[in-house]
Amino acid sequence: MRILIGEDDAPTAAFIAGGLEALGFETVQLSDGAAISERLREELFDLIILDRLLPDMDGLGLVKAARRRGLMTPIFFLTALGKVSDRVAGLEAGADDYIVKPFAMAELSARVAAVFRRIATAPATTSISAGPLTLDFLHRDVFFQEKPFTLQPRESRILEQLMRNPGGIVTRTMLLETIWNFRFDPQTNLVETHMSRLRAKLALAGADRLIETVRGAGYRLRCDDRP
């Protein structure tokens, strides 16, 4: 497994690399955003560990650009910016986890192991279908009545949760935990904003009434023919 470490503080980068290499991972260390962006266009990694405060750019912009290009590699932010608003911004940008400095190597190692366990136990099927929708896991393309359209990674993961429970209620708390790894309510409209974007893209594809809001409960994917 190859892990890219984007960290401009040399001792911290060496500490992270040493801990991960002791566990059997191969690491690549880069210290500025431009070099990281270029490397991500040229090579595939199994995980990216990224500081937000890079010398030439905010890591948020780097992650957003990578996700727009369709990069699906898990990304961890490892940063001194630890306010709830910072964590929300990092996860909303497309990161899969957010770890605040100072950190314990044991915690970082456990979180790395957890993300690789999730990957290893991911369903072997390459797609899932619910009603008129099909989601392609390999390319994250969505098909409505066999017509394709594209979602951002976070949007496709929300839709996946709804498609895995067709007709059932998916709560806001469930989405915060499964999509953003939050174990608390950040008191923001994070879920609502992404749900609005998802609905807008479904509407453009002709599927504007598939997601229902169940007042006081959550969201539900309609897979029947009710008006």
Protein backbone atom coordinates (compact mmCIF):
# COMPACT_ATOMS: atom_id res chain seq x y z
CA MET A 1 0.00 0.00 0.00
CA ARG A 2 1.38 3.42 -1.01
CA ILE A 3 0.58 6.50 1.05
CA LEU A 4 1.29 10.07 -0.03
CA ILE A 5 2.21 12.41 2.84
CA GLY A 6 1.75 16.12 2.08
CA GLU A 7 3.46 17.93 4.95
CA ASP A 8 5.87 20.87 4.85
CA ASP A 9 7.25 20.37 8.38
CA ALA A 10 10.11 17.92 7.83
CA PRO A 11 10.20 16.41 11.38
CA THR A 12 6.44 15.83 11.33
CA ALA A 13 6.59 14.26 7.86
CA ALA A 14 9.44 12.00 8.96
CA PHE A 15 7.52 11.00 12.10
CA ILE A 16 4.42 10.08 10.10
CA ALA A 17 6.42 8.23 7.45
CA GLY A 18 8.42 6.31 10.05
CA GLY A 19 5.30 5.17 11.88
CA LEU A 20 3.54 4.05 8.71
CA GLU A 21 6.60 2.35 7.23
CA ALA A 22 7.00 0.40 10.48
CA LEU A 23 3.52 -0.99 9.75
CA GLY A 24 4.59 -2.07 6.25
CA PHE A 25 3.32 0.85 4.17
CA GLU A 26 5.34 2.54 1.44
CA THR A 27 5.33 6.34 1.76
CA VAL A 28 6.07 9.29 -0.51
CA GLN A 29 6.72 12.67 1.13
CA LEU A 30 6.01 16.02 -0.56
CA SER A 31 6.05 19.45 1.01
CA ASP A 32 4.09 21.84 -1.25
CA GLY A 33 0.71 21.89 -2.91
CA ALA A 34 1.92 22.28 -6.48
CA ALA A 35 4.12 19.20 -6.25
CA ILE A 36 1.33 17.21 -4.61
CA SER A 37 -1.19 18.20 -7.29
CA GLU A 38 1.21 17.24 -10.08
CA ARG A 39 2.04 13.90 -8.46
CA LEU A 40 -1.64 13.05 -8.04
CA ARG A 41 -2.17 13.59 -11.76
CA GLU A 42 0.68 11.18 -12.57
CA GLU A 43 0.40 8.39 -9.99
CA LEU A 44 -2.18 6.48 -7.99
CA PHE A 45 -1.92 6.16 -4.22
CA ASP A 46 -3.92 4.10 -1.76
CA LEU A 47 -4.23 6.95 0.75
CA ILE A 48 -3.32 10.64 0.99
CA ILE A 49 -2.45 12.30 4.32
CA LEU A 50 -2.46 16.06 3.88
CA ASP A 51 -1.71 19.14 5.96
CA ARG A 52 -4.12 22.01 5.35
CA LEU A 53 -1.50 24.72 5.83
CA LEU A 54 0.77 24.04 2.88
CA PRO A 55 3.31 26.78 2.04
CA ASP A 56 1.81 27.63 -1.35
CA MET A 57 -1.90 26.87 -0.92
CA ASP A 58 -4.67 25.85 1.44
CA GLY A 59 -5.14 22.09 1.33
CA LEU A 60 -8.87 22.64 0.96
CA GLY A 61 -8.44 23.92 -2.58
CA LEU A 62 -6.16 21.04 -3.46
CA VAL A 63 -8.68 18.46 -2.26
CA LYS A 64 -11.61 20.18 -3.97
CA ALA A 65 -9.72 20.24 -7.28
CA ALA A 66 -8.75 16.58 -6.95
CA ARG A 67 -12.34 15.54 -6.24
CA ARG A 68 -13.59 17.58 -9.20
CA ARG A 69 -11.18 15.60 -11.39
CA GLY A 70 -12.81 12.42 -10.09
CA LEU A 71 -10.06 11.27 -7.70
CA MET A 72 -11.61 8.69 -5.35
CA THR A 73 -8.53 7.94 -3.21
CA PRO A 74 -9.22 8.30 0.55
CA ILE A 75 -7.83 11.58 1.92
CA PHE A 76 -7.05 12.44 5.55
CA PHE A 77 -6.42 15.98 6.71
CA LEU A 78 -3.79 16.10 9.47
CA THR A 79 -3.66 19.70 10.64
CA ALA A 80 -3.40 22.13 13.54
CA LEU A 81 -6.72 23.76 12.54
CA GLY A 82 -9.07 22.09 14.98
CA LYS A 83 -12.23 24.18 15.27
CA VAL A 84 -15.51 22.51 14.40
CA SER A 85 -15.85 24.91 11.45
CA ASP A 86 -12.40 23.84 10.21
CA ARG A 87 -13.33 20.17 10.45
CA VAL A 88 -16.61 20.76 8.64
CA ALA A 89 -14.81 22.68 5.88
CA GLY A 90 -12.25 19.90 5.46
CA LEU A 91 -14.82 17.13 5.26
CA GLU A 92 -17.07 19.17 2.98
CA ALA A 93 -14.11 19.76 0.66
CA GLY A 94 -13.89 16.02 0.13
CA ALA A 95 -11.68 14.60 2.89
CA ASP A 96 -12.60 11.24 4.39
CA ASP A 97 -11.20 11.99 7.84
CA TYR A 98 -9.85 14.96 9.79
CA ILE A 99 -7.20 14.55 12.49
CA VAL A 100 -6.04 17.47 14.62
CA LYS A 101 -2.44 18.08 15.68
CA PRO A 102 -0.92 17.24 18.09
CA PHE A 103 -1.82 13.63 17.39
CA ALA A 104 -0.78 10.18 18.58
CA MET A 105 0.73 7.82 16.03
CA ALA A 106 -1.43 5.06 17.50
CA GLU A 107 -4.59 7.01 16.58
CA LEU A 108 -3.38 7.78 13.06
CA SER A 109 -2.41 4.13 12.54
CA ALA A 110 -5.82 2.98 13.77
CA ARG A 111 -7.62 5.33 11.40
CA VAL A 112 -5.45 4.25 8.47
CA ALA A 113 -6.18 0.60 9.30
CA ALA A 114 -9.90 1.38 9.54
CA VAL A 115 -10.09 2.99 6.09
CA PHE A 116 -8.26 0.05 4.51
CA ARG A 117 -10.60 -2.40 6.28
CA ARG A 118 -13.56 -0.57 4.77
CA ILE A 119 -11.99 -0.80 1.34
CA ALA A 120 -11.20 -4.51 1.79
CA THR A 121 -14.74 -5.31 2.90
CA ALA A 122 -16.45 -3.19 0.24
CA PRO A 123 -19.00 -5.12 -1.81
CA ALA A 124 -17.55 -7.08 -4.72
CA THR A 125 -20.33 -5.91 -6.99
CA THR A 126 -19.46 -3.00 -9.26
CA SER A 127 -22.90 -1.38 -9.22
CA ILE A 128 -26.12 -1.06 -7.28
CA SER A 129 -29.63 -0.43 -8.56
CA ALA A 130 -32.75 0.93 -6.91
CA GLY A 131 -35.87 1.69 -8.92
CA PRO A 132 -34.85 3.62 -12.07
CA LEU A 133 -31.36 4.43 -10.70
CA THR A 134 -28.10 2.57 -11.12
CA LEU A 135 -24.84 3.63 -9.45
CA ASP A 136 -21.55 2.45 -10.93
CA PHE A 137 -19.04 2.06 -8.07
CA LEU A 138 -16.01 1.95 -10.35
CA HIS A 139 -16.56 5.30 -12.04
CA ARG A 140 -19.21 6.80 -9.73
CA ASP A 141 -21.46 7.37 -12.73
CA VAL A 142 -25.20 7.37 -12.13
CA PHE A 143 -27.79 6.16 -14.62
CA PHE A 144 -31.43 7.24 -14.53
CA GLN A 145 -33.48 5.06 -16.87
CA GLU A 146 -30.15 4.08 -18.48
CA LYS A 147 -29.17 7.72 -19.16
CA PRO A 148 -25.85 8.62 -17.47
CA PHE A 149 -24.98 11.70 -15.43
CA THR A 150 -22.15 12.53 -13.04
CA LEU A 151 -22.11 13.39 -9.33
CA GLN A 152 -19.38 14.67 -7.06
CA PRO A 153 -17.94 11.96 -4.74
CA ARG A 154 -19.83 13.16 -1.67
CA GLU A 155 -23.10 13.37 -3.60
CA SER A 156 -22.71 9.86 -4.95
CA ARG A 157 -22.03 8.52 -1.45
CA ILE A 158 -25.22 10.14 -0.16
CA LEU A 159 -27.18 8.64 -3.05
CA GLU A 160 -25.55 5.27 -2.35
CA GLN A 161 -26.82 5.35 1.25
CA LEU A 162 -30.34 6.08 0.01
CA MET A 163 -30.14 3.37 -2.67
CA ARG A 164 -28.98 0.80 -0.11
CA ASN A 165 -32.19 1.43 1.83
CA PRO A 166 -34.82 2.00 -0.88
CA GLY A 167 -38.13 3.12 0.57
CA GLY A 168 -36.58 3.32 4.05
CA ILE A 169 -35.65 6.42 6.00
CA VAL A 170 -32.03 7.55 6.12
CA THR A 171 -31.59 10.03 8.95
CA ARG A 172 -29.44 13.14 9.04
CA THR A 173 -27.41 11.54 11.83
CA MET A 174 -26.78 8.44 9.71
CA LEU A 175 -25.48 10.61 6.86
CA LEU A 176 -23.24 12.66 9.15
CA GLU A 177 -21.71 9.45 10.51
CA THR A 178 -21.32 7.48 7.28
CA ILE A 179 -20.40 10.30 4.88
CA TRP A 180 -18.51 12.77 7.08
CA ASN A 181 -17.42 10.54 10.01
CA PHE A 182 -19.08 12.91 12.49
CA ARG A 183 -20.17 11.40 15.80
CA PHE A 184 -21.84 14.67 16.79
CA ASP A 185 -24.07 17.27 15.18
CA PRO A 186 -21.88 20.12 13.85
CA GLN A 187 -24.90 22.44 13.90
CA THR A 188 -24.51 23.37 10.23
CA ASN A 189 -26.55 22.79 7.08
CA LEU A 190 -23.88 20.43 5.71
CA VAL A 191 -26.31 17.60 4.92
CA GLU A 192 -29.01 19.91 3.63
CA THR A 193 -26.62 21.70 1.26
CA HIS A 194 -25.35 18.47 -0.28
CA MET A 195 -28.85 17.03 -0.48
CA SER A 196 -30.00 20.16 -2.33
CA ARG A 197 -27.15 19.78 -4.85
CA LEU A 198 -27.94 16.09 -5.30
CA ARG A 199 -31.61 16.81 -5.89
CA ALA A 200 -30.77 19.54 -8.40
CA LYS A 201 -28.63 17.13 -10.44
CA LEU A 202 -31.29 14.44 -10.26
CA ALA A 203 -33.83 16.99 -11.47
CA LEU A 204 -31.67 17.88 -14.47
CA ALA A 205 -31.59 14.18 -15.31
CA GLY A 206 -35.38 13.97 -15.07
CA ALA A 207 -35.49 12.34 -11.64
CA ASP A 208 -36.65 15.36 -9.67
CA ARG A 209 -39.10 13.58 -7.32
CA LEU A 210 -37.11 10.55 -6.27
CA ILE A 211 -35.83 11.84 -2.91
CA GLU A 212 -38.46 12.67 -0.30
CA THR A 213 -37.93 14.63 2.90
CA VAL A 214 -39.67 12.87 5.79
CA ARG A 215 -40.36 15.66 8.25
CA GLY A 216 -38.69 15.10 11.60
CA ALA A 217 -37.10 11.86 10.42
CA GLY A 218 -34.79 12.17 7.42
CA TYR A 219 -34.82 11.29 3.74
CA ARG A 220 -36.24 8.47 1.66
CA LEU A 221 -35.61 7.25 -1.88
CA ARG A 222 -38.86 6.58 -3.68
CA CYS A 223 -38.81 3.47 -5.81
CA ASP A 224 -42.51 3.12 -6.53
CA ASP A 225 -44.92 4.83 -8.90
CA ARG A 226 -46.80 6.99 -6.40
CA PRO A 227 -47.63 10.52 -7.66
